[in-house]
C-alpha atoms as a PDB file:
ATOM      1  CA  MET A   1       0.000   0.000   0.000  1.00  0.00           C
ATOM      2  CA  ASN A   2       1.265   3.493  -0.780  1.00  0.00           C
ATOM      3  CA  VAL A   3       0.033   6.768   0.636  1.00  0.00           C
ATOM      4  CA  ALA A   4       0.575  10.507   0.405  1.00  0.00           C
ATOM      5  CA  VAL A   5       0.577  12.859   3.380  1.00  0.00           C
ATOM      6  CA  VAL A   6      -0.624  16.440   2.887  1.00  0.00           C
ATOM      7  CA  THR A   7      -0.131  18.980   5.678  1.00  0.00           C
ATOM      8  CA  VAL A   8      -1.976  22.275   5.424  1.00  0.00           C
ATOM      9  CA  GLY A   9      -1.106  25.565   7.070  1.00  0.00           C
ATOM     10  CA  ASP A  10       0.452  28.925   6.311  1.00  0.00           C
ATOM     11  CA  GLU A  11       2.242  28.701   9.661  1.00  0.00           C
ATOM     12  CA  LEU A  12       4.050  25.538   8.532  1.00  0.00           C
ATOM     13  CA  LEU A  13       5.316  27.204   5.380  1.00  0.00           C
ATOM     14  CA  ALA A  14       6.446  30.254   7.349  1.00  0.00           C
ATOM     15  CA  GLY A  15       8.405  28.090   9.780  1.00  0.00           C
ATOM     16  CA  ARG A  16       6.405  29.296  12.766  1.00  0.00           C
ATOM     17  CA  THR A  17       5.162  25.774  13.528  1.00  0.00           C
ATOM     18  CA  GLU A  18       7.248  22.626  13.270  1.00  0.00           C
ATOM     19  CA  ASN A  19       5.666  19.984  11.056  1.00  0.00           C
ATOM     20  CA  THR A  20       5.601  17.194  13.639  1.00  0.00           C
ATOM     21  CA  ASN A  21       2.385  15.733  12.201  1.00  0.00           C
ATOM     22  CA  ALA A  22       4.114  14.611   9.015  1.00  0.00           C
ATOM     23  CA  THR A  23       6.891  12.922  10.988  1.00  0.00           C
ATOM     24  CA  TRP A  24       4.418  11.178  13.294  1.00  0.00           C
ATOM     25  CA  LEU A  25       2.259   9.916  10.426  1.00  0.00           C
ATOM     26  CA  CYS A  26       5.231   8.688   8.410  1.00  0.00           C
ATOM     27  CA  ALA A  27       6.505   6.750  11.430  1.00  0.00           C
ATOM     28  CA  ARG A  28       3.123   5.069  11.952  1.00  0.00           C
ATOM     29  CA  PHE A  29       2.967   4.065   8.312  1.00  0.00           C
ATOM     30  CA  ASP A  30       6.528   2.759   8.344  1.00  0.00           C
ATOM     31  CA  GLU A  31       5.725   0.588  11.373  1.00  0.00           C
ATOM     32  CA  ARG A  32       2.919  -1.029   9.361  1.00  0.00           C
ATOM     33  CA  GLY A  33       5.008  -1.582   6.237  1.00  0.00           C
ATOM     34  CA  ILE A  34       3.205   1.111   4.244  1.00  0.00           C
ATOM     35  CA  ASP A  35       5.139   3.220   1.753  1.00  0.00           C
ATOM     36  CA  VAL A  36       4.802   6.991   2.046  1.00  0.00           C
ATOM     37  CA  GLU A  37       5.448   8.294  -1.472  1.00  0.00           C
ATOM     38  CA  ARG A  38       4.791  12.008  -0.916  1.00  0.00           C
ATOM     39  CA  VAL A  39       4.809  14.511   1.940  1.00  0.00           C
ATOM     40  CA  THR A  40       3.499  17.868   0.743  1.00  0.00           C
ATOM     41  CA  THR A  41       2.826  21.064   2.666  1.00  0.00           C
ATOM     42  CA  LEU A  42       0.250  23.502   1.297  1.00  0.00           C
ATOM     43  CA  PRO A  43      -0.980  26.977   2.209  1.00  0.00           C
ATOM     44  CA  ASP A  44      -4.508  27.587   3.457  1.00  0.00           C
ATOM     45  CA  ARG A  45      -5.838  27.992  -0.085  1.00  0.00           C
ATOM     46  CA  ILE A  46      -8.822  26.078  -1.382  1.00  0.00           C
ATOM     47  CA  GLY A  47      -7.522  25.849  -4.940  1.00  0.00           C
ATOM     48  CA  ASP A  48      -4.150  24.435  -3.919  1.00  0.00           C
ATOM     49  CA  ILE A  49      -5.726  21.876  -1.601  1.00  0.00           C
ATOM     50  CA  ALA A  50      -8.259  20.781  -4.221  1.00  0.00           C
ATOM     51  CA  ARG A  51      -5.634  20.427  -6.943  1.00  0.00           C
ATOM     52  CA  VAL A  52      -3.177  18.384  -4.892  1.00  0.00           C
ATOM     53  CA  VAL A  53      -5.800  16.153  -3.280  1.00  0.00           C
ATOM     54  CA  ASN A  54      -7.362  15.458  -6.662  1.00  0.00           C
ATOM     55  CA  GLU A  55      -3.966  14.554  -8.124  1.00  0.00           C
ATOM     56  CA  TYR A  56      -2.857  12.385  -5.217  1.00  0.00           C
ATOM     57  CA  ARG A  57      -6.098  10.458  -4.784  1.00  0.00           C
ATOM     58  CA  ALA A  58      -5.737   9.256  -8.361  1.00  0.00           C
ATOM     59  CA  GLU A  59      -2.102   8.262  -7.879  1.00  0.00           C
ATOM     60  CA  TYR A  60      -1.958   6.690  -4.407  1.00  0.00           C
ATOM     61  CA  ASP A  61      -3.957   4.131  -2.459  1.00  0.00           C
ATOM     62  CA  ALA A  62      -4.799   6.688   0.231  1.00  0.00           C
ATOM     63  CA  VAL A  63      -4.220  10.342   1.057  1.00  0.00           C
ATOM     64  CA  VAL A  64      -4.059  11.736   4.585  1.00  0.00           C
ATOM     65  CA  VAL A  65      -4.692  15.472   4.909  1.00  0.00           C
ATOM     66  CA  THR A  66      -3.972  17.150   8.234  1.00  0.00           C
ATOM     67  CA  GLY A  67      -4.558  20.734   9.360  1.00  0.00           C
ATOM     68  CA  GLY A  68      -6.918  23.584   8.590  1.00  0.00           C
ATOM     69  CA  LEU A  69     -10.090  22.140  10.121  1.00  0.00           C
ATOM     70  CA  GLY A  70     -12.684  24.232  11.907  1.00  0.00           C
ATOM     71  CA  PRO A  71     -15.090  27.081  11.232  1.00  0.00           C
ATOM     72  CA  THR A  72     -12.679  30.043  11.281  1.00  0.00           C
ATOM     73  CA  HIS A  73     -11.774  32.109   8.214  1.00  0.00           C
ATOM     74  CA  ASP A  74      -8.408  30.428   7.596  1.00  0.00           C
ATOM     75  CA  ASP A  75      -9.652  26.836   7.990  1.00  0.00           C
ATOM     76  CA  ARG A  76     -10.037  25.947   4.314  1.00  0.00           C
ATOM     77  CA  THR A  77      -9.195  22.268   4.190  1.00  0.00           C
ATOM     78  CA  MET A  78     -12.731  20.862   4.125  1.00  0.00           C
ATOM     79  CA  GLU A  79     -13.650  23.248   1.322  1.00  0.00           C
ATOM     80  CA  GLY A  80     -10.579  22.188  -0.620  1.00  0.00           C
ATOM     81  CA  VAL A  81     -11.280  18.476  -0.201  1.00  0.00           C
ATOM     82  CA  ALA A  82     -14.929  18.970  -1.152  1.00  0.00           C
ATOM     83  CA  ALA A  83     -13.826  20.827  -4.284  1.00  0.00           C
ATOM     84  CA  ALA A  84     -11.436  17.995  -5.189  1.00  0.00           C
ATOM     85  CA  PHE A  85     -14.414  15.652  -5.357  1.00  0.00           C
ATOM     86  CA  GLY A  86     -16.813  18.159  -6.880  1.00  0.00           C
ATOM     87  CA  ARG A  87     -19.016  18.007  -3.792  1.00  0.00           C
ATOM     88  CA  SER A  88     -20.677  20.639  -1.668  1.00  0.00           C
ATOM     89  CA  LEU A  89     -20.026  21.230   2.030  1.00  0.00           C
ATOM     90  CA  GLU A  90     -23.051  20.252   4.079  1.00  0.00           C
ATOM     91  CA  ARG A  91     -23.931  19.970   7.746  1.00  0.00           C
ATOM     92  CA  ASN A  92     -23.233  16.412   8.807  1.00  0.00           C
ATOM     93  CA  ASP A  93     -25.959  15.321  11.207  1.00  0.00           C
ATOM     94  CA  GLU A  94     -23.971  12.345  12.497  1.00  0.00           C
ATOM     95  CA  ALA A  95     -21.015  14.555  13.415  1.00  0.00           C
ATOM     96  CA  LEU A  96     -23.321  17.106  15.012  1.00  0.00           C
ATOM     97  CA  ALA A  97     -25.186  14.466  17.025  1.00  0.00           C
ATOM     98  CA  TRP A  98     -21.881  13.060  18.318  1.00  0.00           C
ATOM     99  CA  LEU A  99     -20.725  16.505  19.419  1.00  0.00           C
ATOM    100  CA  GLU A 100     -23.938  16.900  21.386  1.00  0.00           C
ATOM    101  CA  SER A 101     -24.158  13.400  22.864  1.00  0.00           C
ATOM    102  CA  GLU A 102     -20.485  12.520  23.387  1.00  0.00           C
ATOM    103  CA  GLY A 103     -18.691  15.843  23.166  1.00  0.00           C
ATOM    104  CA  GLY A 104     -20.996  17.533  25.647  1.00  0.00           C
ATOM    105  CA  TYR A 105     -21.690  20.573  23.454  1.00  0.00           C
ATOM    106  CA  ALA A 106     -25.043  22.268  23.093  1.00  0.00           C
ATOM    107  CA  ARG A 107     -25.911  22.845  19.453  1.00  0.00           C
ATOM    108  CA  GLU A 108     -26.403  26.566  19.972  1.00  0.00           C
ATOM    109  CA  ASP A 109     -22.915  26.862  21.507  1.00  0.00           C
ATOM    110  CA  LEU A 110     -21.165  25.452  18.447  1.00  0.00           C
ATOM    111  CA  THR A 111     -19.845  27.932  15.896  1.00  0.00           C
ATOM    112  CA  ALA A 112     -21.727  27.776  12.622  1.00  0.00           C
ATOM    113  CA  GLY A 113     -19.979  25.433  10.200  1.00  0.00           C
ATOM    114  CA  THR A 114     -18.285  23.290  12.850  1.00  0.00           C
ATOM    115  CA  ALA A 115     -19.949  20.098  11.585  1.00  0.00           C
ATOM    116  CA  ASP A 116     -19.857  20.944   7.854  1.00  0.00           C
ATOM    117  CA  LEU A 117     -18.274  18.124   5.844  1.00  0.00           C
ATOM    118  CA  PRO A 118     -18.142  17.220   2.143  1.00  0.00           C
ATOM    119  CA  ARG A 119     -21.433  15.692   1.034  1.00  0.00           C
ATOM    120  CA  GLY A 120     -21.486  11.947   1.679  1.00  0.00           C
ATOM    121  CA  ALA A 121     -18.347  11.953   3.839  1.00  0.00           C
ATOM    122  CA  ARG A 122     -17.907   9.541   6.729  1.00  0.00           C
ATOM    123  CA  PRO A 123     -17.279  11.639   9.847  1.00  0.00           C
ATOM    124  CA  LEU A 124     -14.345  10.984  12.154  1.00  0.00           C
ATOM    125  CA  HIS A 125     -15.066  12.081  15.697  1.00  0.00           C
ATOM    126  CA  ASN A 126     -12.670  14.314  17.599  1.00  0.00           C
ATOM    127  CA  VAL A 127     -12.231  12.916  21.111  1.00  0.00           C
ATOM    128  CA  GLU A 128      -9.580  15.532  22.001  1.00  0.00           C
ATOM    129  CA  GLY A 129     -11.211  18.640  20.528  1.00  0.00           C
ATOM    130  CA  VAL A 130     -14.197  19.900  18.565  1.00  0.00           C
ATOM    131  CA  ALA A 131     -13.699  19.959  14.796  1.00  0.00           C
ATOM    132  CA  PRO A 132     -14.550  16.574  13.242  1.00  0.00           C
ATOM    133  CA  GLY A 133     -12.511  14.940  10.529  1.00  0.00           C
ATOM    134  CA  CYS A 134     -13.843  12.774   7.750  1.00  0.00           C
ATOM    135  CA  VAL A 135     -13.176  10.151   5.105  1.00  0.00           C
ATOM    136  CA  VAL A 136     -14.119  10.760   1.475  1.00  0.00           C
ATOM    137  CA  GLU A 137     -13.411   7.644  -0.561  1.00  0.00           C
ATOM    138  CA  SER A 138      -9.629   7.168  -0.111  1.00  0.00           C
ATOM    139  CA  VAL A 139      -8.952  10.596   1.422  1.00  0.00           C
ATOM    140  CA  TYR A 140      -8.668  10.921   5.205  1.00  0.00           C
ATOM    141  CA  VAL A 141      -8.973  14.415   6.689  1.00  0.00           C
ATOM    142  CA  VAL A 142      -7.779  14.947  10.268  1.00  0.00           C
ATOM    143  CA  PRO A 143      -7.060  17.995  12.468  1.00  0.00           C
ATOM    144  CA  GLY A 144      -3.743  19.792  12.679  1.00  0.00           C
ATOM    145  CA  VAL A 145      -3.523  19.957  16.487  1.00  0.00           C
ATOM    146  CA  PRO A 146      -1.166  17.035  17.208  1.00  0.00           C
ATOM    147  CA  ALA A 147      -3.122  15.506  20.109  1.00  0.00           C
ATOM    148  CA  GLU A 148      -6.343  15.669  18.099  1.00  0.00           C
ATOM    149  CA  MET A 149      -4.731  14.299  14.955  1.00  0.00           C
ATOM    150  CA  GLU A 150      -3.062  11.398  16.735  1.00  0.00           C
ATOM    151  CA  ALA A 151      -6.202  10.311  18.588  1.00  0.00           C
ATOM    152  CA  MET A 152      -8.365  10.546  15.480  1.00  0.00           C
ATOM    153  CA  PHE A 153      -5.896   8.754  13.251  1.00  0.00           C
ATOM    154  CA  ALA A 154      -5.479   5.947  15.778  1.00  0.00           C
ATOM    155  CA  ALA A 155      -9.178   5.166  15.261  1.00  0.00           C
ATOM    156  CA  VAL A 156      -8.666   4.496  11.535  1.00  0.00           C
ATOM    157  CA  LEU A 157      -5.120   3.109  11.519  1.00  0.00           C
ATOM    158  CA  ASP A 158      -6.354  -0.454  10.986  1.00  0.00           C
ATOM    159  CA  GLU A 159      -7.809   0.632   7.641  1.00  0.00           C
ATOM    160  CA  PHE A 160      -4.242   0.893   6.309  1.00  0.00           C
ATOM    161  CA  ASP A 161      -2.562  -2.394   5.391  1.00  0.00           C
ATOM    162  CA  GLY A 162       1.069  -2.945   4.548  1.00  0.00           C
ATOM    163  CA  ALA A 163       3.551  -5.759   4.099  1.00  0.00           C
ATOM    164  CA  PRO A 164       5.679  -6.627   7.137  1.00  0.00           C
ATOM    165  CA  ARG A 165       9.221  -5.355   6.738  1.00  0.00           C
ATOM    166  CA  HIS A 166      12.388  -6.130   8.636  1.00  0.00           C
ATOM    167  CA  ARG A 167      15.265  -3.754   9.229  1.00  0.00           C
ATOM    168  CA  GLU A 168      18.768  -3.933  10.684  1.00  0.00           C
ATOM    169  CA  VAL A 169      21.293  -1.137  11.198  1.00  0.00           C
ATOM    170  CA  VAL A 170      25.051  -1.233  10.845  1.00  0.00           C
ATOM    171  CA  VAL A 171      26.952   1.782  12.186  1.00  0.00           C
ATOM    172  CA  ALA A 172      30.115   2.328  10.160  1.00  0.00           C
ATOM    173  CA  ASP A 173      33.143   4.236  11.424  1.00  0.00           C
ATOM    174  CA  GLU A 174      34.178   5.193   7.878  1.00  0.00           C
ATOM    175  CA  PRO A 175      33.344   8.107   5.545  1.00  0.00           C
ATOM    176  CA  GLU A 176      30.241   7.522   3.448  1.00  0.00           C
ATOM    177  CA  SER A 177      32.220   8.104   0.257  1.00  0.00           C
ATOM    178  CA  ALA A 178      34.485   5.177   1.156  1.00  0.00           C
ATOM    179  CA  LEU A 179      31.510   2.843   1.487  1.00  0.00           C
ATOM    180  CA  VAL A 180      29.997   3.350  -1.966  1.00  0.00           C
ATOM    181  CA  SER A 181      31.319   0.206  -3.627  1.00  0.00           C
ATOM    182  CA  ARG A 182      30.355  -2.025  -0.710  1.00  0.00           C
ATOM    183  CA  LEU A 183      26.860  -0.540  -0.539  1.00  0.00           C
ATOM    184  CA  GLU A 184      26.412  -1.246  -4.226  1.00  0.00           C
ATOM    185  CA  ALA A 185      27.762  -4.758  -3.802  1.00  0.00           C
ATOM    186  CA  VAL A 186      25.399  -5.706  -0.969  1.00  0.00           C
ATOM    187  CA  ARG A 187      22.424  -4.556  -3.042  1.00  0.00           C
ATOM    188  CA  GLU A 188      23.602  -6.711  -5.949  1.00  0.00           C
ATOM    189  CA  GLU A 189      24.238  -9.719  -3.724  1.00  0.00           C
ATOM    190  CA  PHE A 190      20.999  -9.638  -1.725  1.00  0.00           C
ATOM    191  CA  ASP A 191      17.380  -8.687  -2.362  1.00  0.00           C
ATOM    192  CA  VAL A 192      17.355  -5.788   0.100  1.00  0.00           C
ATOM    193  CA  SER A 193      17.022  -2.024   0.086  1.00  0.00           C
ATOM    194  CA  VAL A 194      19.959  -0.142   1.598  1.00  0.00           C
ATOM    195  CA  GLY A 195      20.140   3.384   2.948  1.00  0.00           C
ATOM    196  CA  SER A 196      23.148   5.289   4.296  1.00  0.00           C
ATOM    197  CA  TYR A 197      22.845   8.267   6.621  1.00  0.00           C
ATOM    198  CA  PRO A 198      26.030  10.178   7.516  1.00  0.00           C
ATOM    199  CA  GLY A 199      26.658  12.099  10.708  1.00  0.00           C
ATOM    200  CA  GLU A 200      29.373  11.524  13.308  1.00  0.00           C
ATOM    201  CA  SER A 201      29.248   8.002  11.891  1.00  0.00           C
ATOM    202  CA  VAL A 202      27.347   6.424   8.987  1.00  0.00           C
ATOM    203  CA  ARG A 203      24.160   4.524   9.764  1.00  0.00           C
ATOM    204  CA  ILE A 204      23.530   1.852   7.142  1.00  0.00           C
ATOM    205  CA  THR A 205      20.011   0.451   7.124  1.00  0.00           C
ATOM    206  CA  VAL A 206      19.225  -2.881   5.506  1.00  0.00           C
ATOM    207  CA  GLN A 207      15.555  -3.616   4.868  1.00  0.00           C
ATOM    208  CA  SER A 208      13.435  -6.323   3.249  1.00  0.00           C
ATOM    209  CA  PRO A 209      10.170  -8.233   3.771  1.00  0.00           C
ATOM    210  CA  ASP A 210      12.372 -11.345   4.141  1.00  0.00           C
ATOM    211  CA  PRO A 211      14.061 -11.469   7.572  1.00  0.00           C
ATOM    212  CA  ALA A 212      16.539 -14.111   6.426  1.00  0.00           C
ATOM    213  CA  GLU A 213      17.661 -11.883   3.559  1.00  0.00           C
ATOM    214  CA  VAL A 214      18.146  -8.974   5.963  1.00  0.00           C
ATOM    215  CA  GLU A 215      20.141 -11.141   8.362  1.00  0.00           C
ATOM    216  CA  ALA A 216      22.408 -12.433   5.581  1.00  0.00           C
ATOM    217  CA  ALA A 217      22.986  -8.993   4.067  1.00  0.00           C
ATOM    218  CA  THR A 218      23.733  -7.481   7.474  1.00  0.00           C
ATOM    219  CA  ALA A 219      26.243 -10.227   8.257  1.00  0.00           C
ATOM    220  CA  TRP A 220      27.883  -9.660   4.854  1.00  0.00           C
ATOM    221  CA  LEU A 221      28.254  -5.955   5.599  1.00  0.00           C
ATOM    222  CA  ARG A 222      29.626  -6.474   9.089  1.00  0.00           C
ATOM    223  CA  GLU A 223      32.399  -8.626   7.673  1.00  0.00           C
ATOM    224  CA  ARG A 224      33.411  -5.828   5.293  1.00  0.00           C
ATOM    225  CA  VAL A 225      32.722  -2.602   7.188  1.00  0.00           C
ATOM    226  CA  GLN A 226      34.657  -1.078  10.044  1.00  0.00           C
ATOM    227  CA  GLU A 227      31.949  -0.743  12.676  1.00  0.00           C
ATOM    228  CA  ARG A 228      31.909   2.000  15.225  1.00  0.00           C
ATOM    229  CA  GLU A 229      32.566   0.860  18.760  1.00  0.00           C
ATOM    230  CA  GLU A 230      29.827   1.871  21.191  1.00  0.00           C
END
């Protein structure tokens, strides 16, 4: 399964808010063996959101959109997602009823538009806040507030299926440039994906759905790489 993550917010693009939601979502997908093919950050503009969501929903198995939910003037995500599907925004009675019965809100106390979702959307209830999320076909829309996003996404995580993957790490005490030929050789010798990440040392990751292949490739590397002593 492959997915795209779309984060929405002018504050993200201005650097005023760190994009922790993208990191958190990517980590959850990686744990389930799901490939994240795109992480895109967009401004609070309906046209941009509609265009990217429409493109990504055709290209990937699922799209997760986070941020820009609510009834205020700069919360444009629901409008953008609705436009991507050519649907109108409508009051969702199920979302509204949940806010009254489970959220503890009186209908007259809720800001107008709080429960407006794209027509035909499946609402996702917000147990940590107010603004509901939703699912429209393969597009999942969740809040931008991290606690709200994480709780809401946890409720739908089982709807995302991936292949189990296995990973080992070798920490090399050599320059990355010196490792190039051996990194190429291990990829030719074994059916694994290999990544190298330099810093004070070089972290080499070996990954595959086959644990035996990972074990063999890792052993091959350890025989040929000067490992850093811990």
